[in-house]
Amino acid sequence: MVTGFPKIKANAKPSPMRYRLAVAFCSLFSLGGGYFAALQPSGAGWRDPFSYHPLLMMIGFVGLMGSAAVTKKLGGYTNTKNHGIMSFLGLLCAFGGLYAIYQNKEKFGKPHLNSGHSVVGLLALTGATSVGLAGAVFLHPDFGSDKQNKTIRFVHHWTGKITLIAAFFSCMLGLNQLTENPIILIGFSFPLVALVPLAVM
C-alpha cells in the first residue's frame, strides 16, 4: 500500500530548543539588523530622527511580533497572553518608527508615501493594528467577547501571518533605498527570509 509523503503540520508546536533559538534569532537580528540599517548608507552615521525609524521598526515587527508569533505556537493560557503583550509592545515600537520617519520627512520637506517601501510598510502597520485590536476585543483569553469563534481565530491567525511577511518585505525594501551594495542587501535579507518558516509559518 502506498502511504504517500508524511504530512507536515502547519503551525506545529516548536520544541523548547527551537522556541529559544527562534526568539533569540528574532531578538538579536532585530537589534543588530535594525542598528545596522539605521547607519546606512555606509558612513552616514546616526541621524536624528531618521535612524530611529529602521531600528524601532525592526524591533517592533521582527523582534517583538516575530517572537510573539512563535510564542503563540506553544499554546495555552499564559503563552496566549504573552503573545498579546509582545504584539502590543511591538506595535508601540512600530508606531514609534512611523513617528520618526514622519518627523524626518517634515524636517527635510520630503513627500510622504512616495515609495513601495512606505506603502507596504503602512499596509503592514495597518494590518498589525487591525489584527491586534481584533485579538484584544474578540480573542483575549480573559475577556474576549468571542474567543472560541473558529472563524475569527482563523482570520486573526492568517491575517497576522500575512502582515508579518509584508513587514519583513518592507524591511528589505527600506534597506534597498539606503544602499545598492549586493552583499549588504543579501546579508540583511537572508535572515528575514529564514525567519518566515521559523517564526511565521
N, C-alpha and C. Protein backbone atom coordinates (compact mmCIF):
# COMPACT_ATOMS: atom_id res chain seq x y z
N MET A 1 0.85 -1.19 0.00
CA MET A 1 0.00 0.00 0.00
C MET A 1 0.88 1.24 0.00
N VAL A 2 0.54 2.20 -0.85
CA VAL A 2 1.29 3.44 -0.94
C VAL A 2 0.78 4.40 0.13
N THR A 3 1.68 4.81 0.99
CA THR A 3 1.27 5.70 2.08
C THR A 3 1.45 7.17 1.75
N GLY A 4 2.23 7.45 0.71
CA GLY A 4 2.44 8.85 0.33
C GLY A 4 3.45 9.53 1.25
N PHE A 5 3.61 10.81 1.03
CA PHE A 5 4.57 11.58 1.80
C PHE A 5 4.01 11.91 3.18
N PRO A 6 4.88 11.99 4.18
CA PRO A 6 4.39 12.37 5.51
C PRO A 6 3.92 13.82 5.51
N LYS A 7 2.86 14.07 6.24
CA LYS A 7 2.31 15.42 6.28
C LYS A 7 3.08 16.27 7.29
N ILE A 8 3.35 17.49 6.89
CA ILE A 8 3.99 18.44 7.80
C ILE A 8 2.90 19.32 8.37
N LYS A 9 2.74 19.26 9.66
CA LYS A 9 1.69 20.01 10.32
C LYS A 9 2.03 21.49 10.35
N ALA A 10 1.16 22.31 9.77
CA ALA A 10 1.38 23.75 9.77
C ALA A 10 1.23 24.29 11.19
N ASN A 11 2.08 25.26 11.52
CA ASN A 11 2.00 25.92 12.82
C ASN A 11 2.20 24.93 13.97
N ALA A 12 3.05 23.90 13.74
CA ALA A 12 3.29 22.90 14.77
C ALA A 12 3.97 23.53 15.98
N LYS A 13 3.67 22.97 17.15
CA LYS A 13 4.27 23.46 18.39
C LYS A 13 5.78 23.22 18.36
N PRO A 14 6.58 24.28 18.53
CA PRO A 14 8.03 24.11 18.47
C PRO A 14 8.57 23.43 19.73
N SER A 15 9.68 22.75 19.58
CA SER A 15 10.35 22.18 20.75
C SER A 15 10.92 23.33 21.58
N PRO A 16 11.21 23.09 22.87
CA PRO A 16 11.79 24.15 23.69
C PRO A 16 13.06 24.76 23.09
N MET A 17 13.92 23.91 22.52
CA MET A 17 15.15 24.41 21.92
C MET A 17 14.85 25.28 20.70
N ARG A 18 13.95 24.82 19.84
CA ARG A 18 13.62 25.60 18.65
C ARG A 18 12.95 26.92 19.05
N TYR A 19 12.13 26.89 20.08
CA TYR A 19 11.49 28.12 20.54
C TYR A 19 12.53 29.13 21.01
N ARG A 20 13.47 28.68 21.84
CA ARG A 20 14.50 29.59 22.35
C ARG A 20 15.36 30.13 21.22
N LEU A 21 15.70 29.27 20.26
CA LEU A 21 16.51 29.72 19.13
C LEU A 21 15.76 30.75 18.29
N ALA A 22 14.47 30.50 18.05
CA ALA A 22 13.67 31.42 17.24
C ALA A 22 13.55 32.79 17.90
N VAL A 23 13.27 32.80 19.20
CA VAL A 23 13.14 34.07 19.92
C VAL A 23 14.47 34.80 19.98
N ALA A 24 15.56 34.05 20.22
CA ALA A 24 16.89 34.66 20.25
C ALA A 24 17.24 35.24 18.89
N PHE A 25 16.93 34.50 17.83
CA PHE A 25 17.21 34.96 16.47
C PHE A 25 16.43 36.22 16.16
N CYS A 26 15.14 36.21 16.46
CA CYS A 26 14.31 37.40 16.22
C CYS A 26 14.84 38.60 16.99
N SER A 27 15.18 38.39 18.25
CA SER A 27 15.61 39.49 19.11
C SER A 27 16.95 40.05 18.67
N LEU A 28 17.93 39.17 18.49
CA LEU A 28 19.28 39.63 18.16
C LEU A 28 19.34 40.26 16.77
N PHE A 29 18.63 39.65 15.80
CA PHE A 29 18.67 40.22 14.46
C PHE A 29 17.93 41.55 14.40
N SER A 30 16.86 41.68 15.16
CA SER A 30 16.13 42.95 15.14
C SER A 30 16.99 44.08 15.70
N LEU A 31 17.75 43.79 16.74
CA LEU A 31 18.63 44.81 17.33
C LEU A 31 19.84 45.09 16.43
N GLY A 32 20.53 44.01 16.03
CA GLY A 32 21.71 44.18 15.20
C GLY A 32 21.38 44.70 13.81
N GLY A 33 20.39 44.06 13.18
CA GLY A 33 19.99 44.48 11.84
C GLY A 33 19.37 45.86 11.83
N GLY A 34 18.58 46.16 12.86
CA GLY A 34 17.96 47.48 12.95
C GLY A 34 18.98 48.58 13.13
N TYR A 35 19.97 48.34 13.99
CA TYR A 35 21.02 49.35 14.21
C TYR A 35 21.87 49.50 12.96
N PHE A 36 22.18 48.38 12.30
CA PHE A 36 22.97 48.43 11.07
C PHE A 36 22.24 49.24 10.00
N ALA A 37 20.94 48.98 9.83
CA ALA A 37 20.16 49.72 8.84
C ALA A 37 20.08 51.20 9.19
N ALA A 38 20.07 51.50 10.48
CA ALA A 38 19.98 52.89 10.92
C ALA A 38 21.21 53.70 10.54
N LEU A 39 22.33 53.01 10.29
CA LEU A 39 23.59 53.70 9.95
C LEU A 39 23.85 53.73 8.45
N GLN A 40 22.92 53.21 7.66
CA GLN A 40 23.09 53.20 6.21
C GLN A 40 22.61 54.51 5.59
N PRO A 41 23.19 54.90 4.43
CA PRO A 41 24.28 54.24 3.70
C PRO A 41 25.59 54.29 4.47
N SER A 42 26.51 53.45 4.06
CA SER A 42 27.77 53.30 4.77
C SER A 42 28.44 54.65 5.01
N GLY A 43 28.80 54.90 6.26
CA GLY A 43 29.48 56.14 6.61
C GLY A 43 28.55 57.27 7.01
N ALA A 44 27.25 57.05 6.89
CA ALA A 44 26.29 58.12 7.19
C ALA A 44 26.21 58.41 8.69
N GLY A 45 26.42 57.38 9.51
CA GLY A 45 26.33 57.57 10.95
C GLY A 45 24.88 57.65 11.43
N TRP A 46 24.73 57.90 12.72
CA TRP A 46 23.40 58.00 13.33
C TRP A 46 22.80 59.36 13.01
N ARG A 47 21.56 59.37 12.49
CA ARG A 47 20.88 60.61 12.14
C ARG A 47 19.55 60.69 12.89
N ASP A 48 19.39 61.80 13.60
CA ASP A 48 18.18 62.01 14.38
C ASP A 48 17.22 62.92 13.59
N PRO A 49 15.98 62.52 13.33
CA PRO A 49 15.28 61.35 13.89
C PRO A 49 15.28 60.12 13.00
N PHE A 50 15.86 60.20 11.79
CA PHE A 50 15.71 59.12 10.82
C PHE A 50 16.11 57.75 11.36
N SER A 51 17.27 57.68 12.00
CA SER A 51 17.82 56.38 12.38
C SER A 51 16.93 55.60 13.35
N TYR A 52 16.07 56.32 14.08
CA TYR A 52 15.14 55.62 14.96
C TYR A 52 14.11 54.82 14.17
N HIS A 53 13.87 55.22 12.92
CA HIS A 53 12.84 54.55 12.11
C HIS A 53 13.18 53.09 11.85
N PRO A 54 14.32 52.78 11.19
CA PRO A 54 14.60 51.35 10.96
C PRO A 54 14.83 50.57 12.24
N LEU A 55 15.44 51.19 13.24
CA LEU A 55 15.70 50.48 14.49
C LEU A 55 14.40 50.09 15.18
N LEU A 56 13.48 51.03 15.33
CA LEU A 56 12.21 50.74 16.01
C LEU A 56 11.32 49.80 15.20
N MET A 57 11.32 49.95 13.88
CA MET A 57 10.52 49.06 13.05
C MET A 57 11.03 47.62 13.13
N MET A 58 12.35 47.45 13.11
CA MET A 58 12.91 46.11 13.22
C MET A 58 12.62 45.49 14.59
N ILE A 59 12.79 46.29 15.65
CA ILE A 59 12.49 45.77 16.99
C ILE A 59 11.01 45.41 17.10
N GLY A 60 10.15 46.28 16.56
CA GLY A 60 8.72 46.06 16.65
C GLY A 60 8.23 44.86 15.87
N PHE A 61 8.54 44.85 14.57
CA PHE A 61 7.99 43.80 13.71
C PHE A 61 8.77 42.48 13.78
N VAL A 62 10.09 42.57 13.82
CA VAL A 62 10.90 41.34 13.79
C VAL A 62 11.14 40.82 15.21
N GLY A 63 11.64 41.68 16.09
CA GLY A 63 11.98 41.24 17.43
C GLY A 63 10.78 40.85 18.27
N LEU A 64 9.82 41.77 18.40
CA LEU A 64 8.69 41.54 19.29
C LEU A 64 7.55 40.77 18.63
N MET A 65 7.11 41.21 17.45
CA MET A 65 6.00 40.49 16.80
C MET A 65 6.43 39.13 16.28
N GLY A 66 7.69 39.03 15.81
CA GLY A 66 8.19 37.72 15.40
C GLY A 66 8.22 36.75 16.57
N SER A 67 8.72 37.22 17.71
CA SER A 67 8.74 36.39 18.92
C SER A 67 7.33 36.06 19.39
N ALA A 68 6.42 37.02 19.24
CA ALA A 68 5.03 36.80 19.63
C ALA A 68 4.39 35.68 18.81
N ALA A 69 4.71 35.65 17.51
CA ALA A 69 4.16 34.61 16.64
C ALA A 69 4.64 33.23 17.06
N VAL A 70 5.93 33.13 17.40
CA VAL A 70 6.47 31.84 17.84
C VAL A 70 5.87 31.44 19.18
N THR A 71 5.72 32.41 20.08
CA THR A 71 5.17 32.13 21.41
C THR A 71 3.75 31.59 21.33
N LYS A 72 2.95 32.11 20.42
CA LYS A 72 1.57 31.64 20.28
C LYS A 72 1.52 30.18 19.88
N LYS A 73 2.54 29.71 19.16
CA LYS A 73 2.56 28.32 18.73
C LYS A 73 2.66 27.35 19.92
N LEU A 74 3.16 27.84 21.04
CA LEU A 74 3.29 26.97 22.21
C LEU A 74 1.93 26.62 22.80
N GLY A 75 0.93 27.48 22.54
CA GLY A 75 -0.42 27.22 23.03
C GLY A 75 -0.56 27.46 24.53
N GLY A 76 -1.79 27.43 24.99
CA GLY A 76 -2.05 27.59 26.41
C GLY A 76 -2.35 29.03 26.80
N TYR A 77 -2.90 29.17 27.99
CA TYR A 77 -3.35 30.46 28.50
C TYR A 77 -2.21 31.47 28.63
N THR A 78 -1.14 31.09 29.32
CA THR A 78 -0.04 32.02 29.58
C THR A 78 0.65 32.44 28.29
N ASN A 79 0.91 31.50 27.40
CA ASN A 79 1.58 31.83 26.15
C ASN A 79 0.71 32.71 25.26
N THR A 80 -0.60 32.51 25.32
CA THR A 80 -1.51 33.36 24.55
C THR A 80 -1.47 34.79 25.07
N LYS A 81 -1.44 34.95 26.39
CA LYS A 81 -1.35 36.30 26.96
C LYS A 81 0.00 36.94 26.63
N ASN A 82 1.08 36.16 26.72
CA ASN A 82 2.40 36.69 26.38
C ASN A 82 2.47 37.09 24.91
N HIS A 83 1.81 36.31 24.07
CA HIS A 83 1.71 36.63 22.64
C HIS A 83 1.08 38.01 22.45
N GLY A 84 -0.01 38.26 23.16
CA GLY A 84 -0.68 39.55 23.05
C GLY A 84 0.16 40.69 23.58
N ILE A 85 0.83 40.47 24.70
CA ILE A 85 1.66 41.53 25.29
C ILE A 85 2.82 41.89 24.37
N MET A 86 3.51 40.87 23.84
CA MET A 86 4.65 41.14 22.94
C MET A 86 4.18 41.81 21.66
N SER A 87 3.03 41.39 21.15
CA SER A 87 2.49 42.01 19.94
C SER A 87 2.16 43.48 20.18
N PHE A 88 1.58 43.77 21.34
CA PHE A 88 1.24 45.16 21.68
C PHE A 88 2.49 46.02 21.81
N LEU A 89 3.52 45.50 22.48
CA LEU A 89 4.77 46.24 22.60
C LEU A 89 5.42 46.45 21.23
N GLY A 90 5.32 45.42 20.37
CA GLY A 90 5.83 45.56 19.02
C GLY A 90 5.11 46.64 18.24
N LEU A 91 3.80 46.72 18.44
CA LEU A 91 3.00 47.74 17.77
C LEU A 91 3.40 49.14 18.24
N LEU A 92 3.66 49.29 19.54
CA LEU A 92 4.11 50.58 20.06
C LEU A 92 5.44 50.99 19.43
N CYS A 93 6.37 50.03 19.32
CA CYS A 93 7.66 50.32 18.68
C CYS A 93 7.47 50.72 17.22
N ALA A 94 6.59 50.00 16.52
CA ALA A 94 6.34 50.31 15.11
C ALA A 94 5.75 51.70 14.93
N PHE A 95 4.85 52.08 15.81
CA PHE A 95 4.30 53.44 15.73
C PHE A 95 5.37 54.48 16.07
N GLY A 96 6.30 54.11 16.96
CA GLY A 96 7.43 55.00 17.22
C GLY A 96 8.28 55.17 15.98
N GLY A 97 8.48 54.07 15.24
CA GLY A 97 9.22 54.15 13.98
C GLY A 97 8.51 54.98 12.94
N LEU A 98 7.18 54.88 12.91
CA LEU A 98 6.39 55.69 11.98
C LEU A 98 6.52 57.17 12.33
N TYR A 99 6.47 57.48 13.61
CA TYR A 99 6.61 58.88 14.05
C TYR A 99 7.98 59.43 13.68
N ALA A 100 9.02 58.60 13.82
CA ALA A 100 10.38 59.04 13.49
C ALA A 100 10.51 59.40 12.02
N ILE A 101 9.97 58.55 11.13
CA ILE A 101 10.11 58.84 9.70
C ILE A 101 9.20 59.99 9.30
N TYR A 102 8.06 60.14 9.97
CA TYR A 102 7.19 61.29 9.69
C TYR A 102 7.92 62.59 10.04
N GLN A 103 8.55 62.62 11.21
CA GLN A 103 9.28 63.81 11.62
C GLN A 103 10.46 64.09 10.69
N ASN A 104 11.12 63.03 10.24
CA ASN A 104 12.25 63.21 9.32
C ASN A 104 11.80 63.80 7.99
N LYS A 105 10.68 63.30 7.47
CA LYS A 105 10.15 63.82 6.21
C LYS A 105 9.76 65.29 6.36
N GLU A 106 9.13 65.62 7.47
CA GLU A 106 8.73 67.00 7.71
C GLU A 106 9.96 67.90 7.86
N LYS A 107 10.97 67.41 8.52
CA LYS A 107 12.19 68.17 8.77
C LYS A 107 12.86 68.59 7.47
N PHE A 108 12.86 67.69 6.49
CA PHE A 108 13.55 67.97 5.23
C PHE A 108 12.59 68.30 4.09
N GLY A 109 11.31 68.43 4.40
CA GLY A 109 10.33 68.80 3.39
C GLY A 109 10.15 67.76 2.30
N LYS A 110 10.27 66.49 2.65
CA LYS A 110 10.13 65.42 1.67
C LYS A 110 8.69 64.90 1.65
N PRO A 111 8.24 64.42 0.49
CA PRO A 111 6.86 63.90 0.40
C PRO A 111 6.70 62.58 1.14
N HIS A 112 5.50 62.33 1.61
CA HIS A 112 5.19 61.08 2.32
C HIS A 112 4.62 60.05 1.34
N LEU A 113 4.78 58.78 1.68
CA LEU A 113 4.22 57.66 0.90
C LEU A 113 4.57 57.76 -0.58
N ASN A 114 5.84 57.90 -0.87
CA ASN A 114 6.26 58.05 -2.27
C ASN A 114 7.14 56.89 -2.73
N SER A 115 7.04 55.73 -2.04
CA SER A 115 7.85 54.58 -2.44
C SER A 115 7.11 53.29 -2.10
N GLY A 116 7.55 52.21 -2.74
CA GLY A 116 6.96 50.91 -2.42
C GLY A 116 7.18 50.54 -0.97
N HIS A 117 8.35 50.88 -0.44
CA HIS A 117 8.65 50.60 0.97
C HIS A 117 7.65 51.26 1.91
N SER A 118 7.36 52.52 1.65
CA SER A 118 6.45 53.24 2.54
C SER A 118 5.03 52.71 2.45
N VAL A 119 4.60 52.35 1.25
CA VAL A 119 3.23 51.83 1.07
C VAL A 119 3.09 50.46 1.73
N VAL A 120 4.04 49.56 1.46
CA VAL A 120 3.98 48.22 2.07
C VAL A 120 4.10 48.32 3.59
N GLY A 121 4.98 49.22 4.05
CA GLY A 121 5.14 49.40 5.49
C GLY A 121 3.88 49.90 6.16
N LEU A 122 3.20 50.86 5.52
CA LEU A 122 1.96 51.37 6.09
C LEU A 122 0.87 50.30 6.09
N LEU A 123 0.83 49.49 5.04
CA LEU A 123 -0.14 48.39 4.99
C LEU A 123 0.14 47.39 6.11
N ALA A 124 1.42 47.10 6.35
CA ALA A 124 1.78 46.18 7.42
C ALA A 124 1.39 46.74 8.78
N LEU A 125 1.62 48.03 8.98
CA LEU A 125 1.27 48.65 10.26
C LEU A 125 -0.24 48.70 10.46
N THR A 126 -0.96 48.98 9.37
CA THR A 126 -2.42 48.98 9.44
C THR A 126 -2.94 47.57 9.74
N GLY A 127 -2.35 46.59 9.07
CA GLY A 127 -2.73 45.20 9.32
C GLY A 127 -2.45 44.78 10.75
N ALA A 128 -1.28 45.14 11.26
CA ALA A 128 -0.92 44.77 12.63
C ALA A 128 -1.86 45.42 13.64
N THR A 129 -2.23 46.66 13.38
CA THR A 129 -3.16 47.36 14.28
C THR A 129 -4.52 46.68 14.27
N SER A 130 -5.00 46.34 13.08
CA SER A 130 -6.31 45.69 12.95
C SER A 130 -6.32 44.31 13.61
N VAL A 131 -5.26 43.54 13.34
CA VAL A 131 -5.15 42.20 13.94
C VAL A 131 -5.08 42.30 15.46
N GLY A 132 -4.31 43.28 15.94
CA GLY A 132 -4.18 43.46 17.38
C GLY A 132 -5.48 43.84 18.05
N LEU A 133 -6.21 44.76 17.44
CA LEU A 133 -7.49 45.19 18.00
C LEU A 133 -8.49 44.03 18.02
N ALA A 134 -8.53 43.29 16.92
CA ALA A 134 -9.44 42.14 16.85
C ALA A 134 -9.08 41.10 17.91
N GLY A 135 -7.78 40.86 18.07
CA GLY A 135 -7.34 39.90 19.07
C GLY A 135 -7.71 40.32 20.48
N ALA A 136 -7.52 41.62 20.77
CA ALA A 136 -7.83 42.12 22.12
C ALA A 136 -9.33 42.08 22.41
N VAL A 137 -10.13 42.46 21.43
CA VAL A 137 -11.58 42.54 21.65
C VAL A 137 -12.24 41.17 21.65
N PHE A 138 -11.88 40.34 20.67
CA PHE A 138 -12.59 39.07 20.50
C PHE A 138 -11.89 37.85 21.09
N LEU A 139 -10.54 37.85 21.12
CA LEU A 139 -9.83 36.61 21.42
C LEU A 139 -9.03 36.62 22.71
N HIS A 140 -9.05 37.71 23.45
CA HIS A 140 -8.29 37.74 24.70
C HIS A 140 -8.76 36.60 25.61
N PRO A 141 -7.81 35.83 26.18
CA PRO A 141 -8.22 34.65 26.97
C PRO A 141 -9.01 34.97 28.23
N ASP A 142 -8.96 36.21 28.70
CA ASP A 142 -9.71 36.58 29.91
C ASP A 142 -11.07 37.19 29.59
N PHE A 143 -11.05 38.18 28.69
CA PHE A 143 -12.29 38.92 28.45
C PHE A 143 -12.70 39.01 26.99
N GLY A 144 -12.13 38.18 26.13
CA GLY A 144 -12.51 38.18 24.72
C GLY A 144 -13.98 37.87 24.54
N SER A 145 -14.66 38.68 23.75
CA SER A 145 -16.11 38.53 23.62
C SER A 145 -16.52 37.31 22.80
N ASP A 146 -15.59 36.77 21.99
CA ASP A 146 -15.94 35.61 21.16
C ASP A 146 -14.70 34.74 20.95
N LYS A 147 -14.01 34.42 22.02
CA LYS A 147 -12.69 33.80 21.92
C LYS A 147 -12.71 32.36 21.40
N GLN A 148 -13.87 31.73 21.34
CA GLN A 148 -13.96 30.38 20.81
C GLN A 148 -14.42 30.34 19.35
N ASN A 149 -14.66 31.51 18.77
CA ASN A 149 -15.14 31.58 17.39
C ASN A 149 -14.03 31.16 16.43
N LYS A 150 -14.23 30.04 15.75
CA LYS A 150 -13.19 29.49 14.88
C LYS A 150 -12.93 30.37 13.67
N THR A 151 -13.97 31.03 13.16
CA THR A 151 -13.78 31.91 12.00
C THR A 151 -12.91 33.10 12.35
N ILE A 152 -13.19 33.74 13.48
CA ILE A 152 -12.38 34.88 13.91
C ILE A 152 -10.95 34.45 14.19
N ARG A 153 -10.79 33.30 14.82
CA ARG A 153 -9.44 32.79 15.12
C ARG A 153 -8.68 32.51 13.83
N PHE A 154 -9.36 31.95 12.84
CA PHE A 154 -8.73 31.64 11.56
C PHE A 154 -8.28 32.92 10.85
N VAL A 155 -9.16 33.91 10.79
CA VAL A 155 -8.83 35.18 10.13
C VAL A 155 -7.70 35.89 10.87
N HIS A 156 -7.77 35.91 12.20
CA HIS A 156 -6.72 36.53 13.01
C HIS A 156 -5.37 35.86 12.75
N HIS A 157 -5.39 34.54 12.73
CA HIS A 157 -4.19 33.74 12.53
C HIS A 157 -3.52 34.04 11.19
N TRP A 158 -4.29 33.96 10.11
CA TRP A 158 -3.69 34.12 8.79
C TRP A 158 -3.44 35.58 8.42
N THR A 159 -4.27 36.48 8.89
CA THR A 159 -4.00 37.90 8.65
C THR A 159 -2.73 38.32 9.36
N GLY A 160 -2.50 37.76 10.54
CA GLY A 160 -1.27 38.05 11.27
C GLY A 160 -0.04 37.56 10.51
N LYS A 161 -0.12 36.37 9.95
CA LYS A 161 1.00 35.83 9.17
C LYS A 161 1.29 36.71 7.96
N ILE A 162 0.25 37.07 7.21
CA ILE A 162 0.42 37.91 6.02
C ILE A 162 1.00 39.26 6.39
N THR A 163 0.54 39.81 7.51
CA THR A 163 1.04 41.10 7.98
C THR A 163 2.53 41.03 8.29
N LEU A 164 2.96 39.97 8.98
CA LEU A 164 4.38 39.84 9.30
C LEU A 164 5.24 39.68 8.06
N ILE A 165 4.77 38.89 7.10
CA ILE A 165 5.52 38.72 5.86
C ILE A 165 5.63 40.05 5.13
N ALA A 166 4.55 40.83 5.10
CA ALA A 166 4.58 42.15 4.47
C ALA A 166 5.57 43.06 5.20
N ALA A 167 5.60 42.98 6.52
CA ALA A 167 6.53 43.80 7.31
C ALA A 167 7.98 43.43 7.01
N PHE A 168 8.26 42.13 6.94
CA PHE A 168 9.62 41.69 6.62
C PHE A 168 10.03 42.18 5.23
N PHE A 169 9.09 42.09 4.28
CA PHE A 169 9.36 42.54 2.92
C PHE A 169 9.62 44.05 2.89
N SER A 170 8.87 44.78 3.69
CA SER A 170 9.06 46.22 3.76
C SER A 170 10.44 46.56 4.31
N CYS A 171 10.92 45.77 5.27
CA CYS A 171 12.27 45.98 5.80
C CYS A 171 13.31 45.84 4.69
N MET A 172 13.14 44.83 3.84
CA MET A 172 14.06 44.64 2.72
C MET A 172 14.01 45.82 1.76
N LEU A 173 12.79 46.25 1.43
CA LEU A 173 12.63 47.38 0.52
C LEU A 173 13.24 48.65 1.10
N GLY A 174 13.11 48.81 2.41
CA GLY A 174 13.66 50.00 3.05
C GLY A 174 15.17 50.06 2.95
N LEU A 175 15.84 48.95 3.22
CA LEU A 175 17.30 48.94 3.12
C LEU A 175 17.74 49.15 1.69
N ASN A 176 16.96 48.65 0.74
CA ASN A 176 17.29 48.81 -0.67
C ASN A 176 17.29 50.28 -1.09
N GLN A 177 16.57 51.12 -0.34
CA GLN A 177 16.57 52.55 -0.63
C GLN A 177 17.81 53.24 -0.06
N LEU A 178 18.48 52.58 0.87
CA LEU A 178 19.63 53.19 1.53
C LEU A 178 20.96 52.74 0.95
N THR A 179 20.99 51.57 0.35
CA THR A 179 22.24 51.07 -0.23
C THR A 179 21.94 50.17 -1.41
N GLU A 180 22.88 50.15 -2.36
CA GLU A 180 22.77 49.25 -3.51
C GLU A 180 23.81 48.14 -3.44
N ASN A 181 24.53 48.08 -2.34
CA ASN A 181 25.57 47.06 -2.17
C ASN A 181 24.92 45.68 -2.09
N PRO A 182 25.19 44.80 -3.08
CA PRO A 182 24.50 43.50 -3.11
C PRO A 182 24.84 42.61 -1.92
N ILE A 183 26.06 42.71 -1.42
CA ILE A 183 26.46 41.89 -0.28
C ILE A 183 25.67 42.29 0.96
N ILE A 184 25.53 43.59 1.17
CA ILE A 184 24.76 44.08 2.32
C ILE A 184 23.29 43.68 2.19
N LEU A 185 22.74 43.85 0.99
CA LEU A 185 21.33 43.54 0.79
C LEU A 185 21.03 42.06 0.99
N ILE A 186 21.90 41.20 0.46
CA ILE A 186 21.71 39.76 0.63
C ILE A 186 21.89 39.36 2.09
N GLY A 187 22.94 39.91 2.72
CA GLY A 187 23.21 39.59 4.12
C GLY A 187 22.10 40.02 5.05
N PHE A 188 21.42 41.12 4.71
CA PHE A 188 20.31 41.61 5.52
C PHE A 188 19.02 40.84 5.22
N SER A 189 18.81 40.52 3.96
CA SER A 189 17.56 39.89 3.54
C SER A 189 17.48 38.41 3.91
N PHE A 190 18.62 37.73 3.87
CA PHE A 190 18.61 36.28 4.12
C PHE A 190 18.02 35.92 5.48
N PRO A 191 18.42 36.59 6.58
CA PRO A 191 17.80 36.26 7.88
C PRO A 191 16.30 36.51 7.90
N LEU A 192 15.84 37.55 7.21
CA LEU A 192 14.40 37.83 7.17
C LEU A 192 13.65 36.72 6.46
N VAL A 193 14.22 36.24 5.35
CA VAL A 193 13.60 35.13 4.62
C VAL A 193 13.61 33.87 5.48
N ALA A 194 14.72 33.65 6.19
CA ALA A 194 14.84 32.46 7.04
C ALA A 194 13.83 32.49 8.19
N LEU A 195 13.46 33.68 8.62
CA LEU A 195 12.52 33.81 9.73
C LEU A 195 11.09 33.44 9.35
N VAL A 196 10.78 33.44 8.06
CA VAL A 196 9.40 33.14 7.64
C VAL A 196 9.00 31.72 8.06
N PRO A 197 9.77 30.68 7.67
CA PRO A 197 9.37 29.34 8.16
C PRO A 197 9.64 29.14 9.65
N LEU A 198 10.63 29.84 10.19
CA LEU A 198 10.99 29.65 11.59
C LEU A 198 9.99 30.28 12.54
N ALA A 199 9.58 31.50 12.23
CA ALA A 199 8.72 32.24 13.16
C ALA A 199 7.29 32.40 12.69
N VAL A 200 7.10 32.52 11.39
CA VAL A 200 5.77 32.88 10.88
C VAL A 200 4.93 31.66 10.55
N MET A 201 5.48 30.72 9.78
CA MET A 201 4.67 29.60 9.30
C MET A 201 4.49 28.52 10.37
